[in-house]
Amino acid sequence: MRSFVDVNHRAALAPARGFPPRSEPAVKLRQLSIRMLPYLPGKGLMIAAMTRETRRAAGVLRRPAAIS
C-alpha cells in the first residue's frame, strides 16, 4: 500500500509545479493552447503524455491473489 501512496503523491505534485503561470502572457498562452488542443494533429499523443503519471499511479495498486 505504501508504494501506491508514494506513486500517487509524485503524480499529484508533477502537474502542480507547472500549474500556476508566472506572468499574464503565460496565462494567455496557456488558455490559447488549451482551446486549440482539439484541433491539433497528434492530440492523442499530447493527452497521453499529460496523463501518463495518472495512468501509472492507477496501475500501482493491485488486488491480492485470491486465496483458494
Protein backbone atom coordinates (compact mmCIF):
# COMPACT_ATOMS: atom_id res chain seq x y z
CA MET A 1 0.00 0.00 0.00
CA ARG A 2 2.92 2.34 0.68
CA SER A 3 4.08 2.18 -2.94
CA PHE A 4 0.57 3.20 -4.04
CA VAL A 5 0.70 6.25 -1.77
CA ASP A 6 4.22 7.23 -2.90
CA VAL A 7 3.40 6.98 -6.60
CA ASN A 8 0.18 8.98 -6.19
CA HIS A 9 1.96 11.72 -4.26
CA ARG A 10 4.51 12.07 -7.07
CA ALA A 11 1.72 12.01 -9.67
CA ALA A 12 -0.13 14.79 -7.85
CA LEU A 13 2.94 17.01 -7.46
CA ALA A 14 4.17 16.76 -11.06
CA PRO A 15 1.40 18.84 -12.69
CA ALA A 16 1.21 21.19 -9.70
CA ARG A 17 4.72 22.51 -10.39
CA GLY A 18 3.76 23.86 -13.80
CA PHE A 19 0.18 24.84 -12.99
CA PRO A 20 0.42 28.49 -11.94
CA PRO A 21 1.60 30.69 -14.82
CA ARG A 22 4.18 33.25 -13.77
CA SER A 23 3.03 36.16 -15.95
CA GLU A 24 -0.01 37.46 -17.82
CA PRO A 25 1.35 36.43 -21.25
CA ALA A 26 1.89 32.92 -19.86
CA VAL A 27 -1.78 32.81 -18.77
CA LYS A 28 -2.94 33.84 -22.23
CA LEU A 29 -0.65 31.33 -23.93
CA ARG A 30 -1.91 28.52 -21.70
CA GLN A 31 -5.54 29.42 -22.40
CA LEU A 32 -4.90 29.56 -26.13
CA SER A 33 -3.13 26.21 -26.21
CA ILE A 34 -5.92 24.53 -24.22
CA ARG A 35 -8.53 25.95 -26.61
CA MET A 36 -6.52 24.76 -29.64
CA LEU A 37 -5.89 21.24 -28.33
CA PRO A 38 -8.92 19.57 -30.01
CA TYR A 39 -7.83 20.87 -33.42
CA LEU A 40 -4.15 19.90 -33.30
CA PRO A 41 -2.76 16.84 -35.08
CA GLY A 42 -1.30 14.33 -32.67
CA LYS A 43 -3.60 15.40 -29.85
CA GLY A 44 -3.79 11.79 -28.70
CA LEU A 45 -0.04 11.76 -28.08
CA MET A 46 -0.20 15.04 -26.17
CA ILE A 47 -3.07 13.86 -24.00
CA ALA A 48 -1.28 10.57 -23.35
CA ALA A 49 1.83 12.48 -22.24
CA MET A 50 -0.22 14.71 -19.92
CA THR A 51 -1.99 11.75 -18.28
CA ARG A 52 0.99 9.36 -18.11
CA GLU A 53 1.59 9.85 -14.37
CA THR A 54 -2.09 9.38 -13.57
CA ARG A 55 -2.28 6.14 -15.54
CA ARG A 56 0.91 4.86 -13.92
CA ALA A 57 -0.35 5.73 -10.44
CA ALA A 58 -3.63 3.95 -11.10
CA GLY A 59 -1.77 0.78 -12.11
CA VAL A 60 0.30 0.53 -8.92
CA LEU A 61 -2.46 -0.82 -6.73
CA ARG A 62 -3.06 -4.48 -7.48
CA ARG A 63 -5.56 -6.74 -5.85
CA PRO A 64 -4.02 -9.61 -3.88
CA ALA A 65 -4.29 -13.09 -5.31
CA ALA A 66 -7.41 -14.98 -4.33
CA ILE A 67 -6.99 -17.48 -1.54
CA SER A 68 -8.31 -20.89 -2.53
